[in-house]
Amino acid sequence: MRPLDQLLSDRKLTIEDFAEQAKLPVQRVLAILEGRWTPSPKERTRIAGALDLSIDEVIWGHTMDPRNIRYRQFGHPDKN
């Protein structure tokens, strides 16, 4: 199992080429790679298929910090 960014790097695929193979918009692939979007089951099927892998062979992590970023900038209202 490997994360999507490593799989693309290993195969020397550009984001644009991969998006075309997976039949997904380039912006969606970028969001997935940056951890801003968790792919749906249908998108996972397309992504894994474009890499000739099963869905279980790809690490599908959402890497965005789950805390509200506004709290990081301005502090939590209860702690002011």
PDB file of N, CA and C in Angstrom:
ATOM      1  N   MET A   1       0.836  -1.182   0.000  1.00  0.00           N
ATOM      2  CA  MET A   1       0.000   0.000   0.000  1.00  0.00           C
ATOM      3  C   MET A   1       0.879   1.242   0.000  1.00  0.00           C
ATOM      4  N   ARG A   2       0.490   2.183  -0.851  1.00  0.00           N
ATOM      5  CA  ARG A   2       1.243   3.434  -0.951  1.00  0.00           C
ATOM      6  C   ARG A   2       0.270   4.584  -1.155  1.00  0.00           C
ATOM      7  N   PRO A   3       0.650   5.787  -0.727  1.00  0.00           N
ATOM      8  CA  PRO A   3      -0.198   6.953  -0.984  1.00  0.00           C
ATOM      9  C   PRO A   3      -0.184   7.311  -2.471  1.00  0.00           C
ATOM     10  N   LEU A   4      -1.210   8.002  -2.889  1.00  0.00           N
ATOM     11  CA  LEU A   4      -1.368   8.336  -4.300  1.00  0.00           C
ATOM     12  C   LEU A   4      -0.192   9.134  -4.843  1.00  0.00           C
ATOM     13  N   ASP A   5       0.314  10.104  -4.094  1.00  0.00           N
ATOM     14  CA  ASP A   5       1.422  10.909  -4.609  1.00  0.00           C
ATOM     15  C   ASP A   5       2.659  10.062  -4.894  1.00  0.00           C
ATOM     16  N   GLN A   6       2.931   9.079  -4.053  1.00  0.00           N
ATOM     17  CA  GLN A   6       4.078   8.198  -4.286  1.00  0.00           C
ATOM     18  C   GLN A   6       3.840   7.292  -5.493  1.00  0.00           C
ATOM     19  N   LEU A   7       2.609   6.838  -5.649  1.00  0.00           N
ATOM     20  CA  LEU A   7       2.290   5.994  -6.801  1.00  0.00           C
ATOM     21  C   LEU A   7       2.490   6.757  -8.109  1.00  0.00           C
ATOM     22  N   LEU A   8       2.061   8.012  -8.143  1.00  0.00           N
ATOM     23  CA  LEU A   8       2.252   8.818  -9.355  1.00  0.00           C
ATOM     24  C   LEU A   8       3.733   9.077  -9.600  1.00  0.00           C
ATOM     25  N   SER A   9       4.465   9.372  -8.547  1.00  0.00           N
ATOM     26  CA  SER A   9       5.900   9.614  -8.671  1.00  0.00           C
ATOM     27  C   SER A   9       6.631   8.364  -9.161  1.00  0.00           C
ATOM     28  N   ASP A  10       6.294   7.214  -8.591  1.00  0.00           N
ATOM     29  CA  ASP A  10       6.923   5.955  -9.003  1.00  0.00           C
ATOM     30  C   ASP A  10       6.715   5.677 -10.489  1.00  0.00           C
ATOM     31  N   ARG A  11       5.550   6.063 -10.987  1.00  0.00           N
ATOM     32  CA  ARG A  11       5.200   5.806 -12.393  1.00  0.00           C
ATOM     33  C   ARG A  11       5.570   6.970 -13.308  1.00  0.00           C
ATOM     34  N   LYS A  12       6.134   8.028 -12.706  1.00  0.00           N
ATOM     35  CA  LYS A  12       6.534   9.227 -13.451  1.00  0.00           C
ATOM     36  C   LYS A  12       5.365   9.803 -14.253  1.00  0.00           C
ATOM     37  N   LEU A  13       4.192   9.832 -13.607  1.00  0.00           N
ATOM     38  CA  LEU A  13       2.990  10.380 -14.233  1.00  0.00           C
ATOM     39  C   LEU A  13       2.807  11.830 -13.812  1.00  0.00           C
ATOM     40  N   THR A  14       2.483  12.689 -14.769  1.00  0.00           N
ATOM     41  CA  THR A  14       2.115  14.052 -14.416  1.00  0.00           C
ATOM     42  C   THR A  14       0.681  14.039 -13.895  1.00  0.00           C
ATOM     43  N   ILE A  15       0.333  15.064 -13.164  1.00  0.00           N
ATOM     44  CA  ILE A  15      -1.030  15.163 -12.639  1.00  0.00           C
ATOM     45  C   ILE A  15      -2.026  15.230 -13.791  1.00  0.00           C
ATOM     46  N   GLU A  16      -1.678  15.971 -14.830  1.00  0.00           N
ATOM     47  CA  GLU A  16      -2.571  16.111 -15.978  1.00  0.00           C
ATOM     48  C   GLU A  16      -2.789  14.777 -16.679  1.00  0.00           C
ATOM     49  N   ASP A  17      -1.699  14.039 -16.918  1.00  0.00           N
ATOM     50  CA  ASP A  17      -1.825  12.732 -17.576  1.00  0.00           C
ATOM     51  C   ASP A  17      -2.632  11.764 -16.722  1.00  0.00           C
ATOM     52  N   PHE A  18      -2.363  11.779 -15.433  1.00  0.00           N
ATOM     53  CA  PHE A  18      -3.092  10.876 -14.552  1.00  0.00           C
ATOM     54  C   PHE A  18      -4.574  11.231 -14.496  1.00  0.00           C
ATOM     55  N   ALA A  19      -4.881  12.520 -14.397  1.00  0.00           N
ATOM     56  CA  ALA A  19      -6.284  12.954 -14.357  1.00  0.00           C
ATOM     57  C   ALA A  19      -7.019  12.487 -15.610  1.00  0.00           C
ATOM     58  N   GLU A  20      -6.360  12.580 -16.745  1.00  0.00           N
ATOM     59  CA  GLU A  20      -6.971  12.120 -17.998  1.00  0.00           C
ATOM     60  C   GLU A  20      -7.211  10.611 -17.961  1.00  0.00           C
ATOM     61  N   GLN A  21      -6.233   9.855 -17.498  1.00  0.00           N
ATOM     62  CA  GLN A  21      -6.386   8.395 -17.417  1.00  0.00           C
ATOM     63  C   GLN A  21      -7.492   7.998 -16.450  1.00  0.00           C
ATOM     64  N   ALA A  22      -7.603   8.726 -15.337  1.00  0.00           N
ATOM     65  CA  ALA A  22      -8.605   8.405 -14.319  1.00  0.00           C
ATOM     66  C   ALA A  22      -9.970   9.020 -14.638  1.00  0.00           C
ATOM     67  N   LYS A  23     -10.010   9.834 -15.699  1.00  0.00           N
ATOM     68  CA  LYS A  23     -11.256  10.515 -16.098  1.00  0.00           C
ATOM     69  C   LYS A  23     -11.800  11.382 -14.963  1.00  0.00           C
ATOM     70  N   LEU A  24     -10.874  12.147 -14.362  1.00  0.00           N
ATOM     71  CA  LEU A  24     -11.221  13.085 -13.293  1.00  0.00           C
ATOM     72  C   LEU A  24     -10.675  14.463 -13.657  1.00  0.00           C
ATOM     73  N   PRO A  25     -11.321  15.525 -13.183  1.00  0.00           N
ATOM     74  CA  PRO A  25     -10.774  16.866 -13.425  1.00  0.00           C
ATOM     75  C   PRO A  25      -9.416  17.038 -12.732  1.00  0.00           C
ATOM     76  N   VAL A  26      -8.544  17.782 -13.367  1.00  0.00           N
ATOM     77  CA  VAL A  26      -7.215  18.024 -12.806  1.00  0.00           C
ATOM     78  C   VAL A  26      -7.327  18.644 -11.412  1.00  0.00           C
ATOM     79  N   GLN A  27      -8.241  19.588 -11.233  1.00  0.00           N
ATOM     80  CA  GLN A  27      -8.401  20.231  -9.928  1.00  0.00           C
ATOM     81  C   GLN A  27      -8.803  19.232  -8.846  1.00  0.00           C
ATOM     82  N   ARG A  28      -9.599  18.236  -9.209  1.00  0.00           N
ATOM     83  CA  ARG A  28     -10.003  17.224  -8.230  1.00  0.00           C
ATOM     84  C   ARG A  28      -8.798  16.379  -7.828  1.00  0.00           C
ATOM     85  N   VAL A  29      -7.987  15.990  -8.811  1.00  0.00           N
ATOM     86  CA  VAL A  29      -6.788  15.198  -8.513  1.00  0.00           C
ATOM     87  C   VAL A  29      -5.842  16.002  -7.623  1.00  0.00           C
ATOM     88  N   LEU A  30      -5.668  17.284  -7.921  1.00  0.00           N
ATOM     89  CA  LEU A  30      -4.822  18.138  -7.078  1.00  0.00           C
ATOM     90  C   LEU A  30      -5.351  18.197  -5.650  1.00  0.00           C
ATOM     91  N   ALA A  31      -6.652  18.361  -5.501  1.00  0.00           N
ATOM     92  CA  ALA A  31      -7.249  18.432  -4.162  1.00  0.00           C
ATOM     93  C   ALA A  31      -7.036  17.130  -3.400  1.00  0.00           C
ATOM     94  N   ILE A  32      -7.145  16.006  -4.089  1.00  0.00           N
ATOM     95  CA  ILE A  32      -6.918  14.702  -3.453  1.00  0.00           C
ATOM     96  C   ILE A  32      -5.456  14.587  -3.020  1.00  0.00           C
ATOM     97  N   LEU A  33      -4.550  14.967  -3.901  1.00  0.00           N
ATOM     98  CA  LEU A  33      -3.121  14.881  -3.588  1.00  0.00           C
ATOM     99  C   LEU A  33      -2.730  15.802  -2.435  1.00  0.00           C
ATOM    100  N   GLU A  34      -3.378  16.951  -2.340  1.00  0.00           N
ATOM    101  CA  GLU A  34      -3.070  17.913  -1.277  1.00  0.00           C
ATOM    102  C   GLU A  34      -3.805  17.610   0.021  1.00  0.00           C
ATOM    103  N   GLY A  35      -4.646  16.586   0.016  1.00  0.00           N
ATOM    104  CA  GLY A  35      -5.371  16.216   1.221  1.00  0.00           C
ATOM    105  C   GLY A  35      -6.574  17.087   1.512  1.00  0.00           C
ATOM    106  N   ARG A  36      -7.034  17.843   0.513  1.00  0.00           N
ATOM    107  CA  ARG A  36      -8.199  18.706   0.698  1.00  0.00           C
ATOM    108  C   ARG A  36      -9.496  18.025   0.279  1.00  0.00           C
ATOM    109  N   TRP A  37      -9.411  16.828  -0.280  1.00  0.00           N
ATOM    110  CA  TRP A  37     -10.587  16.125  -0.771  1.00  0.00           C
ATOM    111  C   TRP A  37     -10.388  14.633  -0.554  1.00  0.00           C
ATOM    112  N   THR A  38     -11.363  14.007   0.046  1.00  0.00           N
ATOM    113  CA  THR A  38     -11.334  12.554   0.187  1.00  0.00           C
ATOM    114  C   THR A  38     -12.140  11.973  -0.963  1.00  0.00           C
ATOM    115  N   PRO A  39     -11.525  11.144  -1.794  1.00  0.00           N
ATOM    116  CA  PRO A  39     -12.234  10.641  -2.966  1.00  0.00           C
ATOM    117  C   PRO A  39     -13.418   9.754  -2.605  1.00  0.00           C
ATOM    118  N   SER A  40     -14.468   9.887  -3.401  1.00  0.00           N
ATOM    119  CA  SER A  40     -15.663   9.059  -3.234  1.00  0.00           C
ATOM    120  C   SER A  40     -15.338   7.631  -3.670  1.00  0.00           C
ATOM    121  N   PRO A  41     -16.199   6.678  -3.355  1.00  0.00           N
ATOM    122  CA  PRO A  41     -15.966   5.306  -3.822  1.00  0.00           C
ATOM    123  C   PRO A  41     -15.814   5.219  -5.347  1.00  0.00           C
ATOM    124  N   LYS A  42     -16.612   5.985  -6.078  1.00  0.00           N
ATOM    125  CA  LYS A  42     -16.511   5.976  -7.545  1.00  0.00           C
ATOM    126  C   LYS A  42     -15.163   6.544  -7.997  1.00  0.00           C
ATOM    127  N   GLU A  43     -14.722   7.635  -7.360  1.00  0.00           N
ATOM    128  CA  GLU A  43     -13.426   8.223  -7.703  1.00  0.00           C
ATOM    129  C   GLU A  43     -12.288   7.278  -7.342  1.00  0.00           C
ATOM    130  N   ARG A  44     -12.402   6.589  -6.232  1.00  0.00           N
ATOM    131  CA  ARG A  44     -11.373   5.615  -5.842  1.00  0.00           C
ATOM    132  C   ARG A  44     -11.263   4.499  -6.873  1.00  0.00           C
ATOM    133  N   THR A  45     -12.396   4.063  -7.373  1.00  0.00           N
ATOM    134  CA  THR A  45     -12.395   3.020  -8.402  1.00  0.00           C
ATOM    135  C   THR A  45     -11.685   3.511  -9.653  1.00  0.00           C
ATOM    136  N   ARG A  46     -11.969   4.731 -10.069  1.00  0.00           N
ATOM    137  CA  ARG A  46     -11.320   5.296 -11.263  1.00  0.00           C
ATOM    138  C   ARG A  46      -9.815   5.456 -11.051  1.00  0.00           C
ATOM    139  N   ILE A  47      -9.442   5.961  -9.880  1.00  0.00           N
ATOM    140  CA  ILE A  47      -8.025   6.188  -9.581  1.00  0.00           C
ATOM    141  C   ILE A  47      -7.266   4.868  -9.558  1.00  0.00           C
ATOM    142  N   ALA A  48      -7.771   3.903  -8.822  1.00  0.00           N
ATOM    143  CA  ALA A  48      -7.102   2.601  -8.738  1.00  0.00           C
ATOM    144  C   ALA A  48      -7.042   1.938 -10.111  1.00  0.00           C
ATOM    145  N   GLY A  49      -8.121   2.032 -10.873  1.00  0.00           N
ATOM    146  CA  GLY A  49      -8.153   1.444 -12.212  1.00  0.00           C
ATOM    147  C   GLY A  49      -7.125   2.067 -13.135  1.00  0.00           C
ATOM    148  N   ALA A  50      -6.951   3.385 -13.046  1.00  0.00           N
ATOM    149  CA  ALA A  50      -5.964   4.071 -13.878  1.00  0.00           C
ATOM    150  C   ALA A  50      -4.544   3.642 -13.534  1.00  0.00           C
ATOM    151  N   LEU A  51      -4.349   3.150 -12.317  1.00  0.00           N
ATOM    152  CA  LEU A  51      -3.028   2.686 -11.880  1.00  0.00           C
ATOM    153  C   LEU A  51      -2.882   1.168 -11.973  1.00  0.00           C
ATOM    154  N   ASP A  52      -3.911   0.497 -12.484  1.00  0.00           N
ATOM    155  CA  ASP A  52      -3.934  -0.974 -12.545  1.00  0.00           C
ATOM    156  C   ASP A  52      -3.728  -1.596 -11.166  1.00  0.00           C
ATOM    157  N   LEU A  53      -4.389  -1.018 -10.168  1.00  0.00           N
ATOM    158  CA  LEU A  53      -4.327  -1.516  -8.799  1.00  0.00           C
ATOM    159  C   LEU A  53      -5.739  -1.754  -8.284  1.00  0.00           C
ATOM    160  N   SER A  54      -5.827  -2.498  -7.194  1.00  0.00           N
ATOM    161  CA  SER A  54      -7.117  -2.606  -6.520  1.00  0.00           C
ATOM    162  C   SER A  54      -7.243  -1.414  -5.569  1.00  0.00           C
ATOM    163  N   ILE A  55      -8.449  -1.122  -5.164  1.00  0.00           N
ATOM    164  CA  ILE A  55      -8.683  -0.008  -4.243  1.00  0.00           C
ATOM    165  C   ILE A  55      -7.905  -0.204  -2.945  1.00  0.00           C
ATOM    166  N   ASP A  56      -7.740  -1.445  -2.521  1.00  0.00           N
ATOM    167  CA  ASP A  56      -7.041  -1.751  -1.269  1.00  0.00           C
ATOM    168  C   ASP A  56      -5.534  -1.509  -1.341  1.00  0.00           C
ATOM    169  N   GLU A  57      -5.004  -1.295  -2.535  1.00  0.00           N
ATOM    170  CA  GLU A  57      -3.565  -1.091  -2.688  1.00  0.00           C
ATOM    171  C   GLU A  57      -3.155   0.383  -2.629  1.00  0.00           C
ATOM    172  N   VAL A  58      -4.115   1.266  -2.423  1.00  0.00           N
ATOM    173  CA  VAL A  58      -3.839   2.701  -2.356  1.00  0.00           C
ATOM    174  C   VAL A  58      -4.204   3.196  -0.959  1.00  0.00           C
ATOM    175  N   ILE A  59      -3.347   4.032  -0.385  1.00  0.00           N
ATOM    176  CA  ILE A  59      -3.662   4.638   0.911  1.00  0.00           C
ATOM    177  C   ILE A  59      -4.515   5.870   0.642  1.00  0.00           C
ATOM    178  N   TRP A  60      -5.709   5.881   1.228  1.00  0.00           N
ATOM    179  CA  TRP A  60      -6.673   6.969   1.016  1.00  0.00           C
ATOM    180  C   TRP A  60      -6.774   7.809   2.273  1.00  0.00           C
ATOM    181  N   GLY A  61      -5.828   8.635   2.546  1.00  0.00           N
ATOM    182  CA  GLY A  61      -5.872   9.440   3.761  1.00  0.00           C
ATOM    183  C   GLY A  61      -6.316  10.861   3.501  1.00  0.00           C
ATOM    184  N   HIS A  62      -7.090  11.405   4.417  1.00  0.00           N
ATOM    185  CA  HIS A  62      -7.432  12.821   4.375  1.00  0.00           C
ATOM    186  C   HIS A  62      -6.467  13.503   5.322  1.00  0.00           C
ATOM    187  N   THR A  63      -5.580  14.327   4.791  1.00  0.00           N
ATOM    188  CA  THR A  63      -4.483  14.856   5.593  1.00  0.00           C
ATOM    189  C   THR A  63      -4.716  16.265   6.120  1.00  0.00           C
ATOM    190  N   MET A  64      -5.817  16.882   5.756  1.00  0.00           N
ATOM    191  CA  MET A  64      -6.094  18.242   6.234  1.00  0.00           C
ATOM    192  C   MET A  64      -6.339  18.208   7.739  1.00  0.00           C
ATOM    193  N   ASP A  65      -5.777  19.178   8.456  1.00  0.00           N
ATOM    194  CA  ASP A  65      -5.990  19.278   9.894  1.00  0.00           C
ATOM    195  C   ASP A  65      -7.484  19.419  10.166  1.00  0.00           C
ATOM    196  N   PRO A  66      -8.062  18.537  10.963  1.00  0.00           N
ATOM    197  CA  PRO A  66      -9.504  18.591  11.177  1.00  0.00           C
ATOM    198  C   PRO A  66      -9.969  19.763  12.027  1.00  0.00           C
ATOM    199  N   ARG A  67      -9.061  20.415  12.721  1.00  0.00           N
ATOM    200  CA  ARG A  67      -9.456  21.564  13.539  1.00  0.00           C
ATOM    201  C   ARG A  67      -9.742  22.765  12.646  1.00  0.00           C
ATOM    202  N   ASN A  68     -10.620  23.572  13.097  1.00  0.00           N
ATOM    203  CA  ASN A  68     -10.969  24.771  12.351  1.00  0.00           C
ATOM    204  C   ASN A  68      -9.746  25.681  12.274  1.00  0.00           C
ATOM    205  N   ILE A  69      -9.323  25.995  11.079  1.00  0.00           N
ATOM    206  CA  ILE A  69      -8.120  26.804  10.885  1.00  0.00           C
ATOM    207  C   ILE A  69      -8.312  28.201  11.474  1.00  0.00           C
ATOM    208  N   ARG A  70      -9.518  28.689  11.467  1.00  0.00           N
ATOM    209  CA  ARG A  70      -9.787  30.010  12.050  1.00  0.00           C
ATOM    210  C   ARG A  70      -9.374  30.044  13.524  1.00  0.00           C
ATOM    211  N   TYR A  71      -9.601  28.948  14.243  1.00  0.00           N
ATOM    212  CA  TYR A  71      -9.192  28.888  15.645  1.00  0.00           C
ATOM    213  C   TYR A  71      -7.678  28.997  15.764  1.00  0.00           C
ATOM    214  N   ARG A  72      -6.978  28.437  14.824  1.00  0.00           N
ATOM    215  CA  ARG A  72      -5.514  28.513  14.855  1.00  0.00           C
ATOM    216  C   ARG A  72      -5.048  29.957  14.684  1.00  0.00           C
ATOM    217  N   GLN A  73      -5.734  30.719  13.824  1.00  0.00           N
ATOM    218  CA  GLN A  73      -5.340  32.099  13.566  1.00  0.00           C
ATOM    219  C   GLN A  73      -5.747  33.046  14.684  1.00  0.00           C
ATOM    220  N   PHE A  74      -6.978  32.893  15.177  1.00  0.00           N
ATOM    221  CA  PHE A  74      -7.542  33.889  16.083  1.00  0.00           C
ATOM    222  C   PHE A  74      -7.797  33.371  17.488  1.00  0.00           C
ATOM    223  N   GLY A  75      -7.537  32.116  17.738  1.00  0.00           N
ATOM    224  CA  GLY A  75      -7.785  31.542  19.051  1.00  0.00           C
ATOM    225  C   GLY A  75      -9.223  31.074  19.204  1.00  0.00           C
ATOM    226  N   HIS A  76      -9.423  30.186  20.128  1.00  0.00           N
ATOM    227  CA  HIS A  76     -10.759  29.653  20.402  1.00  0.00           C
ATOM    228  C   HIS A  76     -11.532  30.681  21.214  1.00  0.00           C
ATOM    229  N   PRO A  77     -12.820  30.935  20.878  1.00  0.00           N
ATOM    230  CA  PRO A  77     -13.588  31.964  21.582  1.00  0.00           C
ATOM    231  C   PRO A  77     -13.664  31.739  23.094  1.00  0.00           C
ATOM    232  N   ASP A  78     -13.641  30.512  23.542  1.00  0.00           N
ATOM    233  CA  ASP A  78     -13.723  30.220  24.975  1.00  0.00           C
ATOM    234  C   ASP A  78     -12.411  30.488  25.706  1.00  0.00           C
ATOM    235  N   LYS A  79     -11.330  30.659  24.985  1.00  0.00           N
ATOM    236  CA  LYS A  79     -10.014  30.815  25.616  1.00  0.00           C
ATOM    237  C   LYS A  79      -9.483  32.239  25.526  1.00  0.00           C
ATOM    238  N   ASN A  80     -10.292  33.187  25.159  1.00  0.00           N
ATOM    239  CA  ASN A  80      -9.841  34.586  25.043  1.00  0.00           C
ATOM    240  C   ASN A  80     -10.020  35.328  26.333  1.00  0.00           C
TER     241      ASN A  80
END
